């Protein structure tokens, strides 16, 4: 990944409530390769992120408005969204 990759990160539902923000723009460290790496890095940014990603296995992600799995590469990402699983009745 490029060392100067800047992305817009969006948080929805309880992810937004726990982080205290609906979006932010961050410069990603070059060491981050995929969504799982990004989640691990975000968790180190403070207790609010740790709480938001406490159950990372249920968090869903999208890169550039396309749903992706945790091993999805970050290269080329302009926007990354995190949201809880959708349930319905």
PDB file of N, CA and C in Angstrom:
ATOM      1  N   UNK A   1       0.844  -1.177   0.000  1.00  0.00           N
ATOM      2  CA  UNK A   1       0.000   0.000   0.000  1.00  0.00           C
ATOM      3  C   UNK A   1       0.887   1.237   0.000  1.00  0.00           C
ATOM      4  N   UNK A   2       0.404   2.301  -0.597  1.00  0.00           N
ATOM      5  CA  UNK A   2       1.140   3.558  -0.620  1.00  0.00           C
ATOM      6  C   UNK A   2       1.196   4.147   0.788  1.00  0.00           C
ATOM      7  N   UNK A   3       2.331   4.762   1.109  1.00  0.00           N
ATOM      8  CA  UNK A   3       2.474   5.311   2.451  1.00  0.00           C
ATOM      9  C   UNK A   3       1.638   6.565   2.662  1.00  0.00           C
ATOM     10  N   UNK A   4       1.175   7.167   1.581  1.00  0.00           N
ATOM     11  CA  UNK A   4       0.419   8.409   1.710  1.00  0.00           C
ATOM     12  C   UNK A   4      -1.065   8.227   1.395  1.00  0.00           C
ATOM     13  N   UNK A   5      -1.563   7.003   1.521  1.00  0.00           N
ATOM     14  CA  UNK A   5      -2.963   6.752   1.195  1.00  0.00           C
ATOM     15  C   UNK A   5      -3.868   7.370   2.261  1.00  0.00           C
ATOM     16  N   UNK A   6      -4.712   8.269   1.819  1.00  0.00           N
ATOM     17  CA  UNK A   6      -5.686   8.899   2.700  1.00  0.00           C
ATOM     18  C   UNK A   6      -7.064   8.384   2.327  1.00  0.00           C
ATOM     19  N   UNK A   7      -7.837   7.981   3.329  1.00  0.00           N
ATOM     20  CA  UNK A   7      -9.174   7.457   3.076  1.00  0.00           C
ATOM     21  C   UNK A   7     -10.195   8.129   3.987  1.00  0.00           C
ATOM     22  N   UNK A   8     -11.408   8.134   3.527  1.00  0.00           N
ATOM     23  CA  UNK A   8     -12.548   8.597   4.318  1.00  0.00           C
ATOM     24  C   UNK A   8     -13.164   7.356   4.945  1.00  0.00           C
ATOM     25  N   UNK A   9     -13.311   7.371   6.255  1.00  0.00           N
ATOM     26  CA  UNK A   9     -13.907   6.242   6.965  1.00  0.00           C
ATOM     27  C   UNK A   9     -15.254   6.677   7.519  1.00  0.00           C
ATOM     28  N   UNK A  10     -16.268   5.873   7.241  1.00  0.00           N
ATOM     29  CA  UNK A  10     -17.633   6.137   7.696  1.00  0.00           C
ATOM     30  C   UNK A  10     -18.027   5.099   8.741  1.00  0.00           C
ATOM     31  N   UNK A  11     -18.770   5.536   9.748  1.00  0.00           N
ATOM     32  CA  UNK A  11     -19.249   4.650  10.806  1.00  0.00           C
ATOM     33  C   UNK A  11     -20.770   4.765  10.880  1.00  0.00           C
ATOM     34  N   UNK A  12     -21.452   3.620  10.957  1.00  0.00           N
ATOM     35  CA  UNK A  12     -22.907   3.610  10.989  1.00  0.00           C
ATOM     36  C   UNK A  12     -23.442   2.927  12.243  1.00  0.00           C
ATOM     37  N   UNK A  13     -24.667   3.306  12.631  1.00  0.00           N
ATOM     38  CA  UNK A  13     -25.410   2.713  13.750  1.00  0.00           C
ATOM     39  C   UNK A  13     -24.571   2.740  15.030  1.00  0.00           C
ATOM     40  N   UNK A  14     -24.478   1.607  15.750  1.00  0.00           N
ATOM     41  CA  UNK A  14     -23.747   1.639  17.017  1.00  0.00           C
ATOM     42  C   UNK A  14     -22.256   1.866  16.837  1.00  0.00           C
ATOM     43  N   UNK A  15     -21.741   1.646  15.642  1.00  0.00           N
ATOM     44  CA  UNK A  15     -20.329   1.976  15.389  1.00  0.00           C
ATOM     45  C   UNK A  15     -20.140   3.494  15.520  1.00  0.00           C
ATOM     46  N   UNK A  16     -21.083   4.236  14.980  1.00  0.00           N
ATOM     47  CA  UNK A  16     -21.048   5.704  15.063  1.00  0.00           C
ATOM     48  C   UNK A  16     -21.187   6.150  16.514  1.00  0.00           C
ATOM     49  N   UNK A  17     -22.113   5.538  17.232  1.00  0.00           N
ATOM     50  CA  UNK A  17     -22.338   5.914  18.629  1.00  0.00           C
ATOM     51  C   UNK A  17     -21.096   5.658  19.490  1.00  0.00           C
ATOM     52  N   UNK A  18     -20.450   4.532  19.280  1.00  0.00           N
ATOM     53  CA  UNK A  18     -19.294   4.184  20.114  1.00  0.00           C
ATOM     54  C   UNK A  18     -18.049   4.990  19.768  1.00  0.00           C
ATOM     55  N   UNK A  19     -17.842   5.311  18.488  1.00  0.00           N
ATOM     56  CA  UNK A  19     -16.665   6.108  18.120  1.00  0.00           C
ATOM     57  C   UNK A  19     -16.896   7.589  18.372  1.00  0.00           C
ATOM     58  N   UNK A  20     -18.170   7.991  18.438  1.00  0.00           N
ATOM     59  CA  UNK A  20     -18.484   9.396  18.638  1.00  0.00           C
ATOM     60  C   UNK A  20     -18.365  10.222  17.373  1.00  0.00           C
ATOM     61  N   UNK A  21     -18.312   9.555  16.229  1.00  0.00           N
ATOM     62  CA  UNK A  21     -18.212  10.282  14.951  1.00  0.00           C
ATOM     63  C   UNK A  21     -18.879   9.468  13.848  1.00  0.00           C
ATOM     64  N   UNK A  22     -19.391  10.162  12.868  1.00  0.00           N
ATOM     65  CA  UNK A  22     -20.007   9.483  11.729  1.00  0.00           C
ATOM     66  C   UNK A  22     -19.008   9.263  10.608  1.00  0.00           C
ATOM     67  N   UNK A  23     -17.963  10.087  10.576  1.00  0.00           N
ATOM     68  CA  UNK A  23     -16.928   9.911   9.563  1.00  0.00           C
ATOM     69  C   UNK A  23     -15.659  10.638   9.972  1.00  0.00           C
ATOM     70  N   UNK A  24     -14.577  10.257   9.325  1.00  0.00           N
ATOM     71  CA  UNK A  24     -13.296  10.928   9.511  1.00  0.00           C
ATOM     72  C   UNK A  24     -12.415  10.614   8.309  1.00  0.00           C
ATOM     73  N   UNK A  25     -11.444  11.457   8.090  1.00  0.00           N
ATOM     74  CA  UNK A  25     -10.456  11.224   7.043  1.00  0.00           C
ATOM     75  C   UNK A  25      -9.131  10.944   7.728  1.00  0.00           C
ATOM     76  N   UNK A  26      -8.511   9.822   7.369  1.00  0.00           N
ATOM     77  CA  UNK A  26      -7.258   9.420   8.012  1.00  0.00           C
ATOM     78  C   UNK A  26      -6.211   9.053   6.970  1.00  0.00           C
ATOM     79  N   UNK A  27      -4.967   9.229   7.352  1.00  0.00           N
ATOM     80  CA  UNK A  27      -3.852   8.765   6.530  1.00  0.00           C
ATOM     81  C   UNK A  27      -3.451   7.404   7.073  1.00  0.00           C
ATOM     82  N   UNK A  28      -3.503   6.395   6.220  1.00  0.00           N
ATOM     83  CA  UNK A  28      -3.240   5.034   6.656  1.00  0.00           C
ATOM     84  C   UNK A  28      -1.748   4.725   6.673  1.00  0.00           C
ATOM     85  N   UNK A  29      -1.279   4.067   7.727  1.00  0.00           N
ATOM     86  CA  UNK A  29       0.112   3.624   7.738  1.00  0.00           C
ATOM     87  C   UNK A  29       0.358   2.639   6.589  1.00  0.00           C
ATOM     88  N   UNK A  30       1.543   2.662   6.026  1.00  0.00           N
ATOM     89  CA  UNK A  30       1.884   1.785   4.903  1.00  0.00           C
ATOM     90  C   UNK A  30       1.809   0.309   5.283  1.00  0.00           C
ATOM     91  N   UNK A  31       1.913   0.004   6.572  1.00  0.00           N
ATOM     92  CA  UNK A  31       1.899  -1.392   7.017  1.00  0.00           C
ATOM     93  C   UNK A  31       0.524  -2.051   6.922  1.00  0.00           C
ATOM     94  N   UNK A  32      -0.529  -1.268   6.753  1.00  0.00           N
ATOM     95  CA  UNK A  32      -1.875  -1.832   6.677  1.00  0.00           C
ATOM     96  C   UNK A  32      -2.131  -2.363   5.274  1.00  0.00           C
ATOM     97  N   UNK A  33      -2.547  -3.621   5.199  1.00  0.00           N
ATOM     98  CA  UNK A  33      -2.753  -4.265   3.901  1.00  0.00           C
ATOM     99  C   UNK A  33      -4.228  -4.504   3.605  1.00  0.00           C
ATOM    100  N   UNK A  34      -5.001  -4.884   4.637  1.00  0.00           N
ATOM    101  CA  UNK A  34      -6.398  -5.255   4.404  1.00  0.00           C
ATOM    102  C   UNK A  34      -7.309  -4.703   5.508  1.00  0.00           C
ATOM    103  N   UNK A  35      -8.585  -5.005   5.380  1.00  0.00           N
ATOM    104  CA  UNK A  35      -9.585  -4.514   6.341  1.00  0.00           C
ATOM    105  C   UNK A  35      -9.264  -4.993   7.759  1.00  0.00           C
ATOM    106  N   UNK A  36      -8.872  -6.242   7.908  1.00  0.00           N
ATOM    107  CA  UNK A  36      -8.542  -6.759   9.243  1.00  0.00           C
ATOM    108  C   UNK A  36      -7.402  -5.954   9.871  1.00  0.00           C
ATOM    109  N   UNK A  37      -6.392  -5.622   9.072  1.00  0.00           N
ATOM    110  CA  UNK A  37      -5.291  -4.783   9.574  1.00  0.00           C
ATOM    111  C   UNK A  37      -5.807  -3.417  10.006  1.00  0.00           C
ATOM    112  N   UNK A  38      -6.690  -2.849   9.198  1.00  0.00           N
ATOM    113  CA  UNK A  38      -7.243  -1.525   9.503  1.00  0.00           C
ATOM    114  C   UNK A  38      -8.017  -1.556  10.816  1.00  0.00           C
ATOM    115  N   UNK A  39      -8.825  -2.577  11.010  1.00  0.00           N
ATOM    116  CA  UNK A  39      -9.580  -2.697  12.258  1.00  0.00           C
ATOM    117  C   UNK A  39      -8.622  -2.781  13.446  1.00  0.00           C
ATOM    118  N   UNK A  40      -7.585  -3.593  13.318  1.00  0.00           N
ATOM    119  CA  UNK A  40      -6.592  -3.701  14.391  1.00  0.00           C
ATOM    120  C   UNK A  40      -5.946  -2.366  14.702  1.00  0.00           C
ATOM    121  N   UNK A  41      -5.615  -1.605  13.661  1.00  0.00           N
ATOM    122  CA  UNK A  41      -5.001  -0.286  13.844  1.00  0.00           C
ATOM    123  C   UNK A  41      -5.984   0.697  14.475  1.00  0.00           C
ATOM    124  N   UNK A  42      -7.227   0.687  14.008  1.00  0.00           N
ATOM    125  CA  UNK A  42      -8.226   1.597  14.572  1.00  0.00           C
ATOM    126  C   UNK A  42      -8.425   1.330  16.063  1.00  0.00           C
ATOM    127  N   UNK A  43      -8.406   0.063  16.466  1.00  0.00           N
ATOM    128  CA  UNK A  43      -8.597  -0.281  17.878  1.00  0.00           C
ATOM    129  C   UNK A  43      -7.521   0.321  18.771  1.00  0.00           C
ATOM    130  N   UNK A  44      -6.366   0.651  18.207  1.00  0.00           N
ATOM    131  CA  UNK A  44      -5.281   1.232  19.007  1.00  0.00           C
ATOM    132  C   UNK A  44      -5.420   2.742  19.154  1.00  0.00           C
ATOM    133  N   UNK A  45      -6.403   3.338  18.498  1.00  0.00           N
ATOM    134  CA  UNK A  45      -6.532   4.796  18.488  1.00  0.00           C
ATOM    135  C   UNK A  45      -7.267   5.360  19.702  1.00  0.00           C
ATOM    136  N   UNK A  46      -7.765   4.506  20.572  1.00  0.00           N
ATOM    137  CA  UNK A  46      -8.420   4.995  21.778  1.00  0.00           C
ATOM    138  C   UNK A  46      -9.522   4.070  22.240  1.00  0.00           C
ATOM    139  N   UNK A  47     -10.011   4.287  23.469  1.00  0.00           N
ATOM    140  CA  UNK A  47     -11.032   3.401  24.035  1.00  0.00           C
ATOM    141  C   UNK A  47     -12.334   3.396  23.245  1.00  0.00           C
ATOM    142  N   UNK A  48     -12.667   4.517  22.608  1.00  0.00           N
ATOM    143  CA  UNK A  48     -13.902   4.550  21.825  1.00  0.00           C
ATOM    144  C   UNK A  48     -13.818   3.622  20.614  1.00  0.00           C
ATOM    145  N   UNK A  49     -12.644   3.526  20.006  1.00  0.00           N
ATOM    146  CA  UNK A  49     -12.458   2.616  18.870  1.00  0.00           C
ATOM    147  C   UNK A  49     -12.405   1.168  19.356  1.00  0.00           C
ATOM    148  N   UNK A  50     -11.739   0.960  20.487  1.00  0.00           N
ATOM    149  CA  UNK A  50     -11.685  -0.378  21.076  1.00  0.00           C
ATOM    150  C   UNK A  50     -13.103  -0.884  21.338  1.00  0.00           C
ATOM    151  N   UNK A  51     -13.962  -0.013  21.865  1.00  0.00           N
ATOM    152  CA  UNK A  51     -15.347  -0.400  22.133  1.00  0.00           C
ATOM    153  C   UNK A  51     -16.112  -0.664  20.839  1.00  0.00           C
ATOM    154  N   UNK A  52     -15.908   0.170  19.838  1.00  0.00           N
ATOM    155  CA  UNK A  52     -16.635   0.019  18.573  1.00  0.00           C
ATOM    156  C   UNK A  52     -16.270  -1.281  17.863  1.00  0.00           C
ATOM    157  N   UNK A  53     -15.006  -1.682  17.972  1.00  0.00           N
ATOM    158  CA  UNK A  53     -14.547  -2.882  17.271  1.00  0.00           C
ATOM    159  C   UNK A  53     -14.330  -4.056  18.218  1.00  0.00           C
ATOM    160  N   UNK A  54     -14.941  -3.989  19.404  1.00  0.00           N
ATOM    161  CA  UNK A  54     -14.810  -5.040  20.402  1.00  0.00           C
ATOM    162  C   UNK A  54     -15.233  -6.394  19.841  1.00  0.00           C
ATOM    163  N   UNK A  55     -16.255  -6.396  19.022  1.00  0.00           N
ATOM    164  CA  UNK A  55     -16.739  -7.631  18.385  1.00  0.00           C
ATOM    165  C   UNK A  55     -16.486  -7.523  16.882  1.00  0.00           C
ATOM    166  N   UNK A  56     -15.229  -7.409  16.519  1.00  0.00           N
ATOM    167  CA  UNK A  56     -14.841  -7.186  15.122  1.00  0.00           C
ATOM    168  C   UNK A  56     -15.372  -8.268  14.191  1.00  0.00           C
ATOM    169  N   UNK A  57     -15.594  -9.464  14.716  1.00  0.00           N
ATOM    170  CA  UNK A  57     -16.065 -10.557  13.860  1.00  0.00           C
ATOM    171  C   UNK A  57     -17.474 -10.323  13.307  1.00  0.00           C
ATOM    172  N   UNK A  58     -18.251  -9.444  13.937  1.00  0.00           N
ATOM    173  CA  UNK A  58     -19.597  -9.169  13.423  1.00  0.00           C
ATOM    174  C   UNK A  58     -19.672  -7.872  12.624  1.00  0.00           C
ATOM    175  N   UNK A  59     -18.603  -7.089  12.655  1.00  0.00           N
ATOM    176  CA  UNK A  59     -18.587  -5.818  11.927  1.00  0.00           C
ATOM    177  C   UNK A  59     -18.497  -6.085  10.429  1.00  0.00           C
ATOM    178  N   UNK A  60     -19.292  -5.366   9.664  1.00  0.00           N
ATOM    179  CA  UNK A  60     -19.267  -5.461   8.203  1.00  0.00           C
ATOM    180  C   UNK A  60     -18.522  -4.254   7.656  1.00  0.00           C
ATOM    181  N   UNK A  61     -17.920  -4.434   6.480  1.00  0.00           N
ATOM    182  CA  UNK A  61     -17.157  -3.346   5.866  1.00  0.00           C
ATOM    183  C   UNK A  61     -17.482  -3.235   4.388  1.00  0.00           C
ATOM    184  N   UNK A  62     -17.295  -2.030   3.872  1.00  0.00           N
ATOM    185  CA  UNK A  62     -17.428  -1.778   2.439  1.00  0.00           C
ATOM    186  C   UNK A  62     -16.273  -0.877   2.021  1.00  0.00           C
ATOM    187  N   UNK A  63     -15.711  -1.173   0.867  1.00  0.00           N
ATOM    188  CA  UNK A  63     -14.679  -0.329   0.273  1.00  0.00           C
ATOM    189  C   UNK A  63     -15.261   0.262  -0.998  1.00  0.00           C
ATOM    190  N   UNK A  64     -15.238   1.582  -1.091  1.00  0.00           N
ATOM    191  CA  UNK A  64     -15.789   2.282  -2.259  1.00  0.00           C
ATOM    192  C   UNK A  64     -17.196   1.786  -2.586  1.00  0.00           C
ATOM    193  N   UNK A  65     -18.006   1.598  -1.528  1.00  0.00           N
ATOM    194  CA  UNK A  65     -19.411   1.219  -1.593  1.00  0.00           C
ATOM    195  C   UNK A  65     -19.648  -0.204  -2.088  1.00  0.00           C
ATOM    196  N   UNK A  66     -18.646  -1.074  -1.936  1.00  0.00           N
ATOM    197  CA  UNK A  66     -18.792  -2.489  -2.262  1.00  0.00           C
ATOM    198  C   UNK A  66     -18.488  -3.297  -1.010  1.00  0.00           C
ATOM    199  N   UNK A  67     -19.424  -4.165  -0.605  1.00  0.00           N
ATOM    200  CA  UNK A  67     -19.219  -4.996   0.576  1.00  0.00           C
ATOM    201  C   UNK A  67     -18.000  -5.889   0.371  1.00  0.00           C
ATOM    202  N   UNK A  68     -17.181  -5.997   1.424  1.00  0.00           N
ATOM    203  CA  UNK A  68     -15.947  -6.784   1.341  1.00  0.00           C
ATOM    204  C   UNK A  68     -15.758  -7.624   2.599  1.00  0.00           C
ATOM    205  N   UNK A  69     -14.871  -8.603   2.490  1.00  0.00           N
ATOM    206  CA  UNK A  69     -14.496  -9.456   3.618  1.00  0.00           C
ATOM    207  C   UNK A  69     -13.268  -8.861   4.319  1.00  0.00           C
ATOM    208  N   UNK A  70     -12.952  -9.348   5.523  1.00  0.00           N
ATOM    209  CA  UNK A  70     -11.816  -8.799   6.274  1.00  0.00           C
ATOM    210  C   UNK A  70     -10.468  -8.882   5.557  1.00  0.00           C
ATOM    211  N   UNK A  71     -10.323  -9.823   4.626  1.00  0.00           N
ATOM    212  CA  UNK A  71      -9.043  -9.944   3.919  1.00  0.00           C
ATOM    213  C   UNK A  71      -8.975  -9.085   2.659  1.00  0.00           C
ATOM    214  N   UNK A  72      -9.983  -8.246   2.434  1.00  0.00           N
ATOM    215  CA  UNK A  72     -10.002  -7.378   1.250  1.00  0.00           C
ATOM    216  C   UNK A  72      -8.871  -6.359   1.321  1.00  0.00           C
ATOM    217  N   UNK A  73      -8.117  -6.197   0.229  1.00  0.00           N
ATOM    218  CA  UNK A  73      -7.007  -5.242   0.222  1.00  0.00           C
ATOM    219  C   UNK A  73      -7.476  -3.794   0.287  1.00  0.00           C
ATOM    220  N   UNK A  74      -6.677  -2.962   0.935  1.00  0.00           N
ATOM    221  CA  UNK A  74      -6.983  -1.535   1.063  1.00  0.00           C
ATOM    222  C   UNK A  74      -6.487  -0.717  -0.126  1.00  0.00           C
ATOM    223  N   UNK A  75      -5.613  -1.279  -0.938  1.00  0.00           N
ATOM    224  CA  UNK A  75      -5.057  -0.548  -2.083  1.00  0.00           C
ATOM    225  C   UNK A  75      -6.186  -0.021  -2.965  1.00  0.00           C
ATOM    226  N   UNK A  76      -6.144   1.245  -3.283  1.00  0.00           N
ATOM    227  CA  UNK A  76      -7.156   1.866  -4.132  1.00  0.00           C
ATOM    228  C   UNK A  76      -8.393   2.350  -3.396  1.00  0.00           C
ATOM    229  N   UNK A  77      -8.465   2.093  -2.095  1.00  0.00           N
ATOM    230  CA  UNK A  77      -9.637   2.526  -1.326  1.00  0.00           C
ATOM    231  C   UNK A  77      -9.648   4.043  -1.183  1.00  0.00           C
ATOM    232  N   UNK A  78     -10.797   4.630  -1.435  1.00  0.00           N
ATOM    233  CA  UNK A  78     -11.007   6.056  -1.200  1.00  0.00           C
ATOM    234  C   UNK A  78     -11.962   6.252  -0.022  1.00  0.00           C
ATOM    235  N   UNK A  79     -12.888   5.294   0.122  1.00  0.00           N
ATOM    236  CA  UNK A  79     -13.882   5.356   1.190  1.00  0.00           C
ATOM    237  C   UNK A  79     -14.064   3.959   1.767  1.00  0.00           C
ATOM    238  N   UNK A  80     -14.055   3.886   3.098  1.00  0.00           N
ATOM    239  CA  UNK A  80     -14.273   2.625   3.798  1.00  0.00           C
ATOM    240  C   UNK A  80     -15.377   2.859   4.811  1.00  0.00           C
ATOM    241  N   UNK A  81     -16.382   2.001   4.783  1.00  0.00           N
ATOM    242  CA  UNK A  81     -17.508   2.128   5.706  1.00  0.00           C
ATOM    243  C   UNK A  81     -17.558   0.913   6.620  1.00  0.00           C
ATOM    244  N   UNK A  82     -17.880   1.154   7.880  1.00  0.00           N
ATOM    245  CA  UNK A  82     -18.057   0.084   8.857  1.00  0.00           C
ATOM    246  C   UNK A  82     -19.470   0.167   9.416  1.00  0.00           C
ATOM    247  N   UNK A  83     -20.107  -0.993   9.540  1.00  0.00           N
ATOM    248  CA  UNK A  83     -21.472  -1.030  10.050  1.00  0.00           C
ATOM    249  C   UNK A  83     -21.743  -2.390  10.663  1.00  0.00           C
ATOM    250  N   UNK A  84     -22.712  -2.452  11.589  1.00  0.00           N
ATOM    251  CA  UNK A  84     -23.068  -3.727  12.198  1.00  0.00           C
ATOM    252  C   UNK A  84     -23.859  -4.570  11.204  1.00  0.00           C
ATOM    253  N   UNK A  85     -23.993  -5.868  11.489  1.00  0.00           N
ATOM    254  CA  UNK A  85     -24.787  -6.709  10.593  1.00  0.00           C
ATOM    255  C   UNK A  85     -26.229  -6.224  10.540  1.00  0.00           C
ATOM    256  N   UNK A  86     -26.823  -6.384   9.398  1.00  0.00           N
ATOM    257  CA  UNK A  86     -28.212  -5.963   9.207  1.00  0.00           C
ATOM    258  C   UNK A  86     -29.114  -7.140   9.544  1.00  0.00           C
ATOM    259  N   UNK A  87     -30.119  -6.866  10.369  1.00  0.00           N
ATOM    260  CA  UNK A  87     -31.090  -7.905  10.693  1.00  0.00           C
ATOM    261  C   UNK A  87     -32.464  -7.409  10.302  1.00  0.00           C
ATOM    262  N   UNK A  88     -33.314  -8.324  10.075  1.00  0.00           N
ATOM    263  CA  UNK A  88     -34.665  -7.928   9.668  1.00  0.00           C
ATOM    264  C   UNK A  88     -35.679  -8.907  10.205  1.00  0.00           C
ATOM    265  N   UNK A  89     -36.907  -8.577   9.977  1.00  0.00           N
ATOM    266  CA  UNK A  89     -37.946  -9.445  10.502  1.00  0.00           C
ATOM    267  C   UNK A  89     -39.011  -9.683   9.498  1.00  0.00           C
TER     268      UNK A  89
END
